[in-house]
N, C-alpha and C. Protein backbone atom coordinates (compact mmCIF):
# COMPACT_ATOMS: atom_id res chain seq x y z
N MET A 1 15.17 14.99 4.28
CA MET A 1 15.45 14.45 2.95
C MET A 1 14.21 13.74 2.42
N ILE A 2 14.13 13.69 1.09
CA ILE A 2 12.97 13.06 0.47
C ILE A 2 13.41 12.19 -0.70
N SER A 3 12.78 11.03 -0.84
CA SER A 3 13.01 10.15 -1.98
C SER A 3 11.67 9.93 -2.66
N GLU A 4 11.64 10.08 -3.98
CA GLU A 4 10.39 9.94 -4.70
C GLU A 4 10.50 8.86 -5.77
N GLY A 5 9.43 8.10 -5.93
CA GLY A 5 9.35 7.09 -6.97
C GLY A 5 8.42 7.58 -8.08
N ALA A 6 8.28 6.76 -9.10
CA ALA A 6 7.45 7.16 -10.24
C ALA A 6 5.99 6.80 -10.01
N CYS A 7 5.10 7.65 -10.50
CA CYS A 7 3.67 7.38 -10.44
C CYS A 7 3.18 7.17 -11.87
N SER A 8 2.81 5.96 -12.20
CA SER A 8 2.35 5.64 -13.54
C SER A 8 0.92 5.13 -13.45
N PRO A 9 -0.08 5.97 -13.77
CA PRO A 9 -1.48 5.59 -13.61
C PRO A 9 -1.81 4.24 -14.24
N GLY A 10 -2.50 3.40 -13.46
CA GLY A 10 -2.95 2.12 -13.96
C GLY A 10 -1.90 1.04 -13.99
N ARG A 11 -0.72 1.30 -13.42
CA ARG A 11 0.37 0.35 -13.57
C ARG A 11 0.39 -0.73 -12.51
N ALA A 12 0.05 -0.41 -11.26
CA ALA A 12 0.39 -1.37 -10.21
C ALA A 12 -0.70 -1.68 -9.19
N ARG A 13 -1.82 -1.00 -9.20
CA ARG A 13 -2.84 -1.24 -8.18
C ARG A 13 -3.86 -2.25 -8.69
N ARG A 14 -3.91 -3.40 -8.02
CA ARG A 14 -4.82 -4.45 -8.48
C ARG A 14 -5.31 -5.26 -7.30
N ALA A 15 -6.57 -5.68 -7.34
CA ALA A 15 -7.13 -6.54 -6.29
C ALA A 15 -7.86 -7.70 -6.95
N ALA A 16 -7.65 -8.90 -6.43
CA ALA A 16 -8.32 -10.08 -6.96
C ALA A 16 -9.74 -10.15 -6.41
N ILE A 17 -10.67 -10.57 -7.25
CA ILE A 17 -12.08 -10.69 -6.88
C ILE A 17 -12.51 -12.14 -7.06
N ALA A 18 -13.11 -12.71 -6.04
CA ALA A 18 -13.61 -14.08 -6.13
C ALA A 18 -15.12 -14.06 -5.91
N LEU A 19 -15.86 -14.63 -6.85
CA LEU A 19 -17.32 -14.74 -6.74
C LEU A 19 -17.69 -16.17 -6.39
N MET A 20 -18.49 -16.32 -5.35
CA MET A 20 -18.96 -17.64 -4.94
C MET A 20 -20.48 -17.61 -4.87
N ALA A 21 -21.12 -18.45 -5.65
CA ALA A 21 -22.58 -18.47 -5.70
C ALA A 21 -23.14 -19.53 -4.75
N SER A 22 -24.24 -19.17 -4.07
CA SER A 22 -24.93 -20.11 -3.19
C SER A 22 -26.03 -20.83 -3.96
N ALA A 23 -26.33 -22.02 -3.53
CA ALA A 23 -27.38 -22.80 -4.18
C ALA A 23 -28.73 -22.10 -4.00
N PRO A 24 -29.62 -22.21 -4.97
CA PRO A 24 -30.95 -21.58 -4.86
C PRO A 24 -31.72 -22.09 -3.64
N GLN A 25 -32.54 -21.22 -3.04
CA GLN A 25 -33.34 -21.62 -1.88
C GLN A 25 -34.34 -22.72 -2.24
N SER A 26 -34.71 -22.75 -3.50
CA SER A 26 -35.67 -23.76 -3.95
C SER A 26 -35.03 -25.14 -4.10
N GLY A 27 -33.70 -25.18 -3.90
CA GLY A 27 -33.00 -26.45 -4.01
C GLY A 27 -32.28 -26.59 -5.33
N GLY A 28 -31.46 -27.61 -5.42
CA GLY A 28 -30.71 -27.83 -6.64
C GLY A 28 -29.35 -27.15 -6.61
N ASP A 29 -28.62 -27.32 -7.67
CA ASP A 29 -27.28 -26.75 -7.77
C ASP A 29 -27.30 -25.42 -8.51
N VAL A 30 -26.22 -24.67 -8.35
CA VAL A 30 -26.05 -23.44 -9.13
C VAL A 30 -25.84 -23.84 -10.59
N PRO A 31 -26.62 -23.27 -11.50
CA PRO A 31 -26.50 -23.64 -12.92
C PRO A 31 -25.07 -23.43 -13.44
N GLU A 32 -24.51 -24.46 -14.04
CA GLU A 32 -23.16 -24.34 -14.59
C GLU A 32 -23.18 -23.35 -15.76
N GLY A 33 -22.22 -22.42 -15.74
CA GLY A 33 -22.14 -21.42 -16.79
C GLY A 33 -23.07 -20.24 -16.61
N ALA A 34 -23.73 -20.16 -15.45
CA ALA A 34 -24.64 -19.04 -15.19
C ALA A 34 -23.90 -17.72 -15.36
N GLU A 35 -24.57 -16.77 -15.97
CA GLU A 35 -23.95 -15.48 -16.28
C GLU A 35 -24.07 -14.52 -15.10
N VAL A 36 -22.94 -13.87 -14.76
CA VAL A 36 -22.91 -12.87 -13.69
C VAL A 36 -22.35 -11.58 -14.27
N ILE A 37 -23.06 -10.49 -14.07
CA ILE A 37 -22.60 -9.18 -14.52
C ILE A 37 -22.00 -8.45 -13.32
N VAL A 38 -20.74 -8.09 -13.43
CA VAL A 38 -20.04 -7.40 -12.35
C VAL A 38 -19.70 -5.98 -12.80
N THR A 39 -20.02 -5.00 -11.97
CA THR A 39 -19.71 -3.60 -12.28
C THR A 39 -18.94 -2.97 -11.13
N THR A 40 -18.20 -1.91 -11.43
CA THR A 40 -17.48 -1.15 -10.42
C THR A 40 -17.71 0.34 -10.63
N ASP A 41 -17.77 1.09 -9.54
CA ASP A 41 -17.96 2.53 -9.65
C ASP A 41 -16.63 3.28 -9.65
N LYS A 42 -15.52 2.54 -9.54
CA LYS A 42 -14.19 3.16 -9.57
C LYS A 42 -13.21 2.17 -10.18
N GLY A 43 -12.35 2.66 -11.06
CA GLY A 43 -11.39 1.78 -11.70
C GLY A 43 -12.03 0.97 -12.82
N TRP A 44 -11.43 -0.18 -13.12
CA TRP A 44 -11.94 -1.03 -14.18
C TRP A 44 -11.68 -2.50 -13.87
N LEU A 45 -12.41 -3.37 -14.55
CA LEU A 45 -12.36 -4.80 -14.30
C LEU A 45 -11.73 -5.53 -15.47
N THR A 46 -11.05 -6.62 -15.17
CA THR A 46 -10.45 -7.45 -16.21
C THR A 46 -10.50 -8.91 -15.77
N PRO A 47 -10.70 -9.84 -16.70
CA PRO A 47 -10.74 -11.26 -16.33
C PRO A 47 -9.35 -11.85 -16.09
N THR A 48 -8.31 -11.09 -16.42
CA THR A 48 -6.93 -11.58 -16.27
C THR A 48 -6.18 -10.71 -15.26
N HIS A 49 -4.88 -11.03 -15.08
CA HIS A 49 -4.03 -10.23 -14.20
C HIS A 49 -3.57 -8.94 -14.86
N ASP A 50 -3.83 -8.79 -16.14
CA ASP A 50 -3.31 -7.67 -16.92
C ASP A 50 -4.27 -6.49 -16.89
N CYS A 51 -3.89 -5.45 -16.17
CA CYS A 51 -4.76 -4.27 -16.08
C CYS A 51 -4.80 -3.47 -17.37
N ALA A 52 -3.89 -3.77 -18.29
CA ALA A 52 -3.88 -3.07 -19.58
C ALA A 52 -4.59 -3.87 -20.66
N ALA A 53 -5.25 -4.95 -20.27
CA ALA A 53 -5.92 -5.82 -21.25
C ALA A 53 -7.01 -5.06 -22.00
N LYS A 54 -7.18 -5.39 -23.27
CA LYS A 54 -8.15 -4.69 -24.11
C LYS A 54 -9.59 -4.89 -23.62
N GLU A 55 -9.84 -6.04 -22.96
CA GLU A 55 -11.20 -6.32 -22.52
C GLU A 55 -11.55 -5.65 -21.20
N SER A 56 -10.62 -4.86 -20.64
CA SER A 56 -10.88 -4.18 -19.38
C SER A 56 -12.00 -3.16 -19.53
N ALA A 57 -12.90 -3.08 -18.54
CA ALA A 57 -14.03 -2.15 -18.60
C ALA A 57 -14.62 -2.01 -17.21
N SER A 58 -15.53 -1.06 -17.04
CA SER A 58 -16.19 -0.88 -15.75
C SER A 58 -17.26 -1.94 -15.52
N GLN A 59 -17.58 -2.71 -16.56
CA GLN A 59 -18.54 -3.81 -16.44
C GLN A 59 -17.94 -5.05 -17.09
N LEU A 60 -18.14 -6.18 -16.43
CA LEU A 60 -17.57 -7.43 -16.92
C LEU A 60 -18.61 -8.54 -16.78
N ILE A 61 -18.73 -9.38 -17.80
CA ILE A 61 -19.65 -10.51 -17.76
C ILE A 61 -18.84 -11.78 -17.54
N LEU A 62 -19.15 -12.49 -16.47
CA LEU A 62 -18.45 -13.72 -16.12
C LEU A 62 -19.42 -14.90 -16.16
N ASN A 63 -18.88 -16.07 -16.41
CA ASN A 63 -19.68 -17.30 -16.37
C ASN A 63 -19.18 -18.19 -15.24
N LEU A 64 -20.10 -18.60 -14.39
CA LEU A 64 -19.73 -19.42 -13.24
C LEU A 64 -19.28 -20.81 -13.67
N LYS A 65 -18.24 -21.28 -13.01
CA LYS A 65 -17.76 -22.64 -13.21
C LYS A 65 -17.67 -23.29 -11.84
N ASN A 66 -18.43 -24.35 -11.64
CA ASN A 66 -18.53 -24.98 -10.32
C ASN A 66 -18.96 -23.96 -9.26
N GLY A 67 -19.84 -23.04 -9.68
CA GLY A 67 -20.39 -22.05 -8.75
C GLY A 67 -19.47 -20.91 -8.40
N ALA A 68 -18.38 -20.72 -9.16
CA ALA A 68 -17.43 -19.67 -8.83
C ALA A 68 -16.87 -19.03 -10.09
N ALA A 69 -16.33 -17.82 -9.90
CA ALA A 69 -15.67 -17.10 -10.99
C ALA A 69 -14.69 -16.11 -10.37
N THR A 70 -13.68 -15.73 -11.14
CA THR A 70 -12.69 -14.76 -10.64
C THR A 70 -12.49 -13.64 -11.64
N ALA A 71 -12.05 -12.51 -11.13
CA ALA A 71 -11.74 -11.35 -11.96
C ALA A 71 -10.76 -10.48 -11.17
N HIS A 72 -10.36 -9.37 -11.76
CA HIS A 72 -9.45 -8.45 -11.08
C HIS A 72 -9.95 -7.02 -11.22
N LEU A 73 -9.85 -6.30 -10.11
CA LEU A 73 -10.19 -4.88 -10.09
C LEU A 73 -8.89 -4.09 -10.23
N CYS A 74 -8.85 -3.18 -11.16
CA CYS A 74 -7.66 -2.36 -11.39
C CYS A 74 -7.97 -0.90 -11.07
N LEU A 75 -7.03 -0.27 -10.38
CA LEU A 75 -7.14 1.15 -10.07
C LEU A 75 -5.82 1.82 -10.45
N ASP A 76 -5.86 3.13 -10.67
CA ASP A 76 -4.60 3.81 -10.93
C ASP A 76 -3.80 3.90 -9.63
N ASP A 77 -2.62 4.48 -9.69
CA ASP A 77 -1.71 4.43 -8.56
C ASP A 77 -2.17 5.21 -7.34
N THR A 78 -3.24 5.99 -7.46
CA THR A 78 -3.77 6.69 -6.30
C THR A 78 -4.66 5.79 -5.45
N GLY A 79 -4.96 4.58 -5.96
CA GLY A 79 -5.78 3.66 -5.19
C GLY A 79 -7.18 4.20 -4.96
N GLY A 80 -7.83 3.71 -3.91
CA GLY A 80 -9.17 4.19 -3.58
C GLY A 80 -10.08 3.06 -3.16
N THR A 81 -11.33 3.42 -2.88
CA THR A 81 -12.34 2.44 -2.49
C THR A 81 -13.36 2.31 -3.60
N ALA A 82 -13.55 1.09 -4.07
CA ALA A 82 -14.50 0.83 -5.15
C ALA A 82 -15.65 0.00 -4.62
N THR A 83 -16.84 0.28 -5.13
CA THR A 83 -18.02 -0.52 -4.80
C THR A 83 -18.32 -1.44 -5.97
N LEU A 84 -18.25 -2.74 -5.71
CA LEU A 84 -18.50 -3.74 -6.74
C LEU A 84 -19.93 -4.26 -6.61
N THR A 85 -20.59 -4.43 -7.73
CA THR A 85 -21.94 -4.98 -7.75
C THR A 85 -21.97 -6.19 -8.67
N ALA A 86 -22.46 -7.31 -8.16
CA ALA A 86 -22.60 -8.53 -8.95
C ALA A 86 -24.08 -8.83 -9.11
N HIS A 87 -24.50 -9.08 -10.36
CA HIS A 87 -25.92 -9.30 -10.65
C HIS A 87 -26.08 -10.55 -11.51
N SER A 88 -26.96 -11.43 -11.08
CA SER A 88 -27.26 -12.63 -11.86
C SER A 88 -28.73 -12.97 -11.67
N GLY A 89 -29.49 -12.93 -12.74
CA GLY A 89 -30.92 -13.19 -12.64
C GLY A 89 -31.59 -12.18 -11.73
N SER A 90 -32.24 -12.66 -10.67
CA SER A 90 -32.92 -11.76 -9.73
C SER A 90 -32.07 -11.48 -8.49
N VAL A 91 -30.82 -11.93 -8.50
CA VAL A 91 -29.94 -11.78 -7.33
C VAL A 91 -28.91 -10.69 -7.59
N THR A 92 -28.78 -9.78 -6.62
CA THR A 92 -27.79 -8.70 -6.70
C THR A 92 -27.09 -8.56 -5.35
N THR A 93 -25.79 -8.39 -5.37
CA THR A 93 -25.04 -8.17 -4.13
C THR A 93 -23.95 -7.14 -4.38
N THR A 94 -23.56 -6.41 -3.33
CA THR A 94 -22.52 -5.39 -3.46
C THR A 94 -21.44 -5.62 -2.41
N LYS A 95 -20.25 -5.13 -2.71
CA LYS A 95 -19.12 -5.26 -1.80
C LYS A 95 -18.14 -4.12 -2.06
N SER A 96 -17.63 -3.52 -0.97
CA SER A 96 -16.62 -2.47 -1.10
C SER A 96 -15.23 -3.06 -1.00
N VAL A 97 -14.33 -2.60 -1.85
CA VAL A 97 -12.94 -3.06 -1.87
C VAL A 97 -12.04 -1.85 -1.74
N ASP A 98 -11.14 -1.89 -0.77
CA ASP A 98 -10.21 -0.78 -0.54
C ASP A 98 -8.83 -1.17 -1.07
N VAL A 99 -8.31 -0.38 -1.99
CA VAL A 99 -6.98 -0.62 -2.57
C VAL A 99 -6.10 0.58 -2.22
N PRO A 100 -5.04 0.38 -1.43
CA PRO A 100 -4.21 1.51 -1.02
C PRO A 100 -3.44 2.10 -2.19
N ALA A 101 -3.04 3.34 -2.03
CA ALA A 101 -2.26 4.02 -3.07
C ALA A 101 -0.87 3.42 -3.18
N LEU A 102 -0.26 3.58 -4.33
CA LEU A 102 1.11 3.12 -4.54
C LEU A 102 2.07 4.05 -3.80
N PRO A 103 2.98 3.51 -2.96
CA PRO A 103 3.95 4.37 -2.29
C PRO A 103 4.82 5.10 -3.31
N SER A 104 4.95 6.41 -3.16
CA SER A 104 5.71 7.17 -4.14
C SER A 104 6.77 8.07 -3.53
N ALA A 105 6.68 8.34 -2.22
CA ALA A 105 7.65 9.24 -1.61
C ALA A 105 7.90 8.85 -0.17
N LEU A 106 9.14 9.00 0.26
CA LEU A 106 9.55 8.74 1.63
C LEU A 106 10.32 9.96 2.12
N VAL A 107 9.83 10.56 3.20
CA VAL A 107 10.45 11.77 3.75
C VAL A 107 11.03 11.43 5.12
N LEU A 108 12.31 11.76 5.33
CA LEU A 108 12.98 11.50 6.60
C LEU A 108 13.35 12.83 7.25
N SER A 109 12.87 13.04 8.47
CA SER A 109 13.10 14.30 9.17
C SER A 109 13.65 14.04 10.56
N PRO A 110 14.88 14.55 10.88
CA PRO A 110 15.41 14.44 12.24
C PRO A 110 14.88 15.58 13.10
N SER A 111 14.83 15.37 14.40
CA SER A 111 14.37 16.43 15.30
C SER A 111 15.36 17.59 15.34
N SER A 112 16.61 17.33 14.95
CA SER A 112 17.62 18.38 14.90
C SER A 112 18.71 17.97 13.92
N SER A 113 19.28 18.95 13.23
CA SER A 113 20.38 18.66 12.30
C SER A 113 21.72 18.66 13.00
N SER A 114 21.72 19.06 14.27
CA SER A 114 22.95 19.09 15.07
C SER A 114 22.60 18.83 16.53
N THR A 115 23.40 17.97 17.18
CA THR A 115 23.11 17.64 18.57
C THR A 115 24.41 17.31 19.30
N LYS A 116 24.35 17.20 20.61
CA LYS A 116 25.51 16.85 21.41
C LYS A 116 25.54 15.35 21.66
N ALA A 117 26.74 14.80 21.78
CA ALA A 117 26.87 13.38 22.10
C ALA A 117 26.17 13.07 23.41
N GLY A 118 25.38 12.01 23.42
CA GLY A 118 24.62 11.65 24.60
C GLY A 118 23.23 12.24 24.64
N SER A 119 22.90 13.05 23.66
CA SER A 119 21.57 13.69 23.61
C SER A 119 20.57 12.81 22.87
N SER A 120 19.31 13.00 23.21
CA SER A 120 18.23 12.25 22.56
C SER A 120 17.94 12.83 21.18
N LEU A 121 17.60 11.95 20.26
CA LEU A 121 17.33 12.36 18.88
C LEU A 121 16.13 11.56 18.36
N THR A 122 15.20 12.24 17.71
CA THR A 122 14.03 11.57 17.15
C THR A 122 14.05 11.69 15.63
N LEU A 123 13.82 10.57 14.98
CA LEU A 123 13.75 10.52 13.52
C LEU A 123 12.33 10.17 13.12
N THR A 124 11.78 10.94 12.20
CA THR A 124 10.42 10.71 11.72
C THR A 124 10.44 10.45 10.23
N ALA A 125 9.84 9.35 9.81
CA ALA A 125 9.73 9.02 8.39
C ALA A 125 8.26 9.03 8.00
N HIS A 126 7.98 9.59 6.83
CA HIS A 126 6.60 9.71 6.35
C HIS A 126 6.52 9.13 4.94
N VAL A 127 5.60 8.18 4.74
CA VAL A 127 5.39 7.56 3.43
C VAL A 127 4.14 8.15 2.79
N ARG A 128 4.30 8.69 1.58
CA ARG A 128 3.16 9.26 0.85
C ARG A 128 2.86 8.43 -0.39
N GLY A 129 1.60 8.44 -0.77
CA GLY A 129 1.19 7.78 -1.99
C GLY A 129 1.17 8.76 -3.15
N CYS A 130 0.82 8.26 -4.32
CA CYS A 130 0.75 9.12 -5.50
C CYS A 130 -0.35 10.17 -5.38
N ASP A 131 -1.26 9.97 -4.42
CA ASP A 131 -2.30 10.97 -4.18
C ASP A 131 -1.85 12.01 -3.16
N GLY A 132 -0.62 11.89 -2.68
CA GLY A 132 -0.10 12.86 -1.71
C GLY A 132 -0.46 12.57 -0.27
N LYS A 133 -1.25 11.53 -0.04
CA LYS A 133 -1.69 11.19 1.31
C LYS A 133 -0.79 10.11 1.92
N GLY A 134 -0.73 10.09 3.27
CA GLY A 134 0.06 9.08 3.96
C GLY A 134 -0.56 7.70 3.79
N ILE A 135 0.30 6.68 3.76
CA ILE A 135 -0.16 5.29 3.61
C ILE A 135 0.18 4.53 4.88
N SER A 136 -0.82 3.88 5.46
CA SER A 136 -0.61 3.14 6.71
C SER A 136 -0.22 1.69 6.44
N GLY A 137 0.37 1.07 7.47
CA GLY A 137 0.66 -0.36 7.42
C GLY A 137 1.85 -0.78 6.59
N LEU A 138 2.74 0.16 6.24
CA LEU A 138 3.92 -0.19 5.46
C LEU A 138 5.16 -0.26 6.35
N PRO A 139 6.02 -1.28 6.15
CA PRO A 139 7.22 -1.43 6.99
C PRO A 139 8.34 -0.49 6.56
N VAL A 140 8.79 0.33 7.50
CA VAL A 140 9.90 1.25 7.25
C VAL A 140 11.02 0.91 8.21
N SER A 141 12.24 0.78 7.70
CA SER A 141 13.39 0.46 8.55
C SER A 141 14.32 1.65 8.64
N MET A 142 14.97 1.79 9.79
CA MET A 142 15.98 2.82 10.02
C MET A 142 17.32 2.13 10.21
N THR A 143 18.34 2.56 9.50
CA THR A 143 19.67 1.99 9.65
C THR A 143 20.70 3.10 9.80
N ILE A 144 21.82 2.76 10.43
CA ILE A 144 22.91 3.71 10.63
C ILE A 144 24.00 3.41 9.62
N ASN A 145 24.28 4.36 8.74
CA ASN A 145 25.32 4.17 7.73
C ASN A 145 26.68 4.69 8.21
N GLN A 146 26.65 5.65 9.11
CA GLN A 146 27.88 6.25 9.63
C GLN A 146 27.63 6.78 11.02
N GLY A 147 28.64 6.72 11.88
CA GLY A 147 28.49 7.22 13.24
C GLY A 147 27.95 6.15 14.17
N LEU A 148 27.54 6.58 15.35
CA LEU A 148 27.07 5.64 16.37
C LEU A 148 25.85 6.22 17.07
N MET A 149 24.80 5.40 17.16
CA MET A 149 23.56 5.81 17.80
C MET A 149 22.87 4.56 18.35
N THR A 150 22.27 4.67 19.51
CA THR A 150 21.49 3.57 20.06
C THR A 150 20.01 3.90 19.94
N PHE A 151 19.22 2.94 19.45
CA PHE A 151 17.78 3.13 19.34
C PHE A 151 17.13 2.74 20.66
N GLU A 152 16.21 3.57 21.12
CA GLU A 152 15.57 3.34 22.41
C GLU A 152 14.08 3.04 22.27
N THR A 153 13.38 3.81 21.47
CA THR A 153 11.94 3.65 21.31
C THR A 153 11.57 3.71 19.84
N PRO A 154 11.26 2.59 19.20
CA PRO A 154 11.38 1.23 19.73
C PRO A 154 12.81 0.73 19.57
N GLN A 155 13.15 -0.35 20.25
CA GLN A 155 14.49 -0.91 20.12
C GLN A 155 14.70 -1.52 18.74
N ASN A 156 13.65 -2.07 18.18
CA ASN A 156 13.71 -2.57 16.81
C ASN A 156 13.32 -1.43 15.87
N PRO A 157 14.27 -0.91 15.08
CA PRO A 157 13.98 0.27 14.26
C PRO A 157 13.20 -0.04 12.98
N ILE A 158 12.41 -1.11 12.97
CA ILE A 158 11.53 -1.41 11.85
C ILE A 158 10.10 -1.33 12.36
N GLN A 159 9.32 -0.43 11.77
CA GLN A 159 7.96 -0.21 12.24
C GLN A 159 7.00 -0.15 11.06
N LEU A 160 5.73 -0.35 11.36
CA LEU A 160 4.67 -0.15 10.37
C LEU A 160 4.14 1.27 10.51
N THR A 161 3.94 1.93 9.39
CA THR A 161 3.43 3.30 9.42
C THR A 161 2.04 3.35 10.03
N ASN A 162 1.75 4.45 10.73
CA ASN A 162 0.44 4.62 11.36
C ASN A 162 -0.58 5.13 10.34
N ASN A 163 -1.73 5.55 10.82
CA ASN A 163 -2.80 5.99 9.92
C ASN A 163 -2.43 7.20 9.09
N GLU A 164 -1.44 7.96 9.56
CA GLU A 164 -0.98 9.13 8.81
C GLU A 164 0.20 8.80 7.90
N GLY A 165 0.62 7.53 7.89
CA GLY A 165 1.75 7.13 7.07
C GLY A 165 3.10 7.45 7.69
N THR A 166 3.14 7.56 9.03
CA THR A 166 4.34 8.03 9.72
C THR A 166 4.85 7.00 10.73
N ILE A 167 6.18 6.96 10.90
CA ILE A 167 6.79 6.25 12.02
C ILE A 167 7.78 7.20 12.69
N SER A 168 8.05 6.97 13.97
CA SER A 168 9.04 7.77 14.70
C SER A 168 9.93 6.84 15.50
N VAL A 169 11.23 7.12 15.48
CA VAL A 169 12.22 6.35 16.22
C VAL A 169 13.04 7.31 17.07
N THR A 170 13.18 6.99 18.35
CA THR A 170 13.96 7.82 19.27
C THR A 170 15.21 7.06 19.70
N GLY A 171 16.33 7.78 19.78
CA GLY A 171 17.57 7.16 20.20
C GLY A 171 18.53 8.17 20.78
N THR A 172 19.72 7.71 21.12
CA THR A 172 20.75 8.57 21.68
C THR A 172 21.92 8.64 20.71
N ALA A 173 22.27 9.85 20.31
CA ALA A 173 23.41 10.06 19.41
C ALA A 173 24.69 9.98 20.23
N LEU A 174 25.60 9.12 19.82
CA LEU A 174 26.83 8.91 20.59
C LEU A 174 28.07 9.44 19.88
N GLU A 175 28.11 9.27 18.58
CA GLU A 175 29.31 9.66 17.83
C GLU A 175 28.93 10.05 16.42
N GLY A 176 29.56 11.10 15.90
CA GLY A 176 29.20 11.57 14.57
C GLY A 176 30.40 11.90 13.72
N PRO A 177 30.15 12.39 12.48
CA PRO A 177 28.82 12.70 11.97
C PRO A 177 27.96 11.44 11.84
N LEU A 178 26.67 11.63 12.00
CA LEU A 178 25.73 10.52 12.04
C LEU A 178 24.90 10.53 10.75
N THR A 179 25.02 9.47 9.98
CA THR A 179 24.24 9.34 8.75
C THR A 179 23.23 8.20 8.92
N LEU A 180 21.96 8.54 8.81
CA LEU A 180 20.88 7.56 9.00
C LEU A 180 20.07 7.43 7.73
N LYS A 181 19.61 6.21 7.48
CA LYS A 181 18.85 5.93 6.26
C LYS A 181 17.51 5.30 6.62
N ALA A 182 16.47 5.77 5.95
CA ALA A 182 15.14 5.17 6.07
C ALA A 182 14.84 4.45 4.76
N SER A 183 14.32 3.23 4.86
CA SER A 183 14.02 2.43 3.66
C SER A 183 12.62 1.86 3.77
N LEU A 184 11.95 1.80 2.64
CA LEU A 184 10.63 1.18 2.55
C LEU A 184 10.83 -0.25 2.07
N SER A 185 10.59 -1.21 2.94
CA SER A 185 10.91 -2.61 2.66
C SER A 185 10.20 -3.14 1.42
N THR A 186 8.99 -2.69 1.16
CA THR A 186 8.22 -3.20 0.02
C THR A 186 8.61 -2.55 -1.30
N MET A 187 9.32 -1.43 -1.24
CA MET A 187 9.76 -0.72 -2.44
C MET A 187 11.23 -0.37 -2.25
N PRO A 188 12.16 -1.31 -2.56
CA PRO A 188 13.58 -1.10 -2.28
C PRO A 188 14.17 0.15 -2.92
N ASN A 189 13.56 0.64 -4.00
CA ASN A 189 14.11 1.81 -4.66
C ASN A 189 13.72 3.10 -3.96
N ILE A 190 12.86 3.03 -2.95
CA ILE A 190 12.46 4.23 -2.23
C ILE A 190 13.16 4.24 -0.88
N GLU A 191 14.18 5.07 -0.75
CA GLU A 191 14.91 5.22 0.50
C GLU A 191 15.51 6.62 0.53
N CYS A 192 15.81 7.10 1.72
CA CYS A 192 16.44 8.41 1.82
C CYS A 192 17.31 8.45 3.07
N ALA A 193 18.27 9.37 3.08
CA ALA A 193 19.22 9.46 4.19
C ALA A 193 19.36 10.90 4.64
N THR A 194 19.82 11.06 5.87
CA THR A 194 20.08 12.39 6.42
C THR A 194 21.33 12.32 7.28
N THR A 195 22.09 13.41 7.33
CA THR A 195 23.32 13.47 8.12
C THR A 195 23.16 14.48 9.25
N ILE A 196 23.54 14.08 10.44
CA ILE A 196 23.38 14.91 11.63
C ILE A 196 24.75 15.13 12.27
N GLU A 197 25.05 16.36 12.58
CA GLU A 197 26.30 16.69 13.26
C GLU A 197 26.19 16.32 14.74
N VAL A 198 27.19 15.62 15.26
CA VAL A 198 27.21 15.25 16.68
C VAL A 198 28.42 15.90 17.33
N LYS A 199 28.17 16.84 18.21
CA LYS A 199 29.25 17.58 18.87
C LYS A 199 29.67 16.85 20.15
N PRO A 200 30.96 16.94 20.51
CA PRO A 200 31.43 16.30 21.75
C PRO A 200 30.72 16.85 22.98
């Protein structure tokens, strides 16, 4: 079974950026209000939390206050890795920022659609982003809506997806029909279920 969410470019992927300036080697303080030009090679920058702001652009000019400034990097729902460059006077520095894709689909696959009571059963859930690739580090839970099954590996049926965006849970089917549901904890609207026949 598969559950899909909406992919709306530019709607939800955002990373906060904090700039901290060091005092000049020649001594003294960082000039108050010093201008810093920040650019990105992917996505766009905005001085606010609003990625749809009119002032959003691939280049942003910030003024330091007490040696610091903040901005936000916005990417569309496919996420990605952006290289940020900050330039002020003769000083330039770069930093890479990785923003994961927005979860858009959850696929639940049992090792068999029919099994005997007392037999082992493996459930595999796969989380995909709007770019079609698996997303790692997301919590997926497995619950039993109908029937009886004991989870063995792991005993706690809540796992973080691996590098391929997948988790696997193994258990013993005891009584059916068995209806199991996979849910993405961070996106409650993305969940899917599957029903497995359990024969005596």
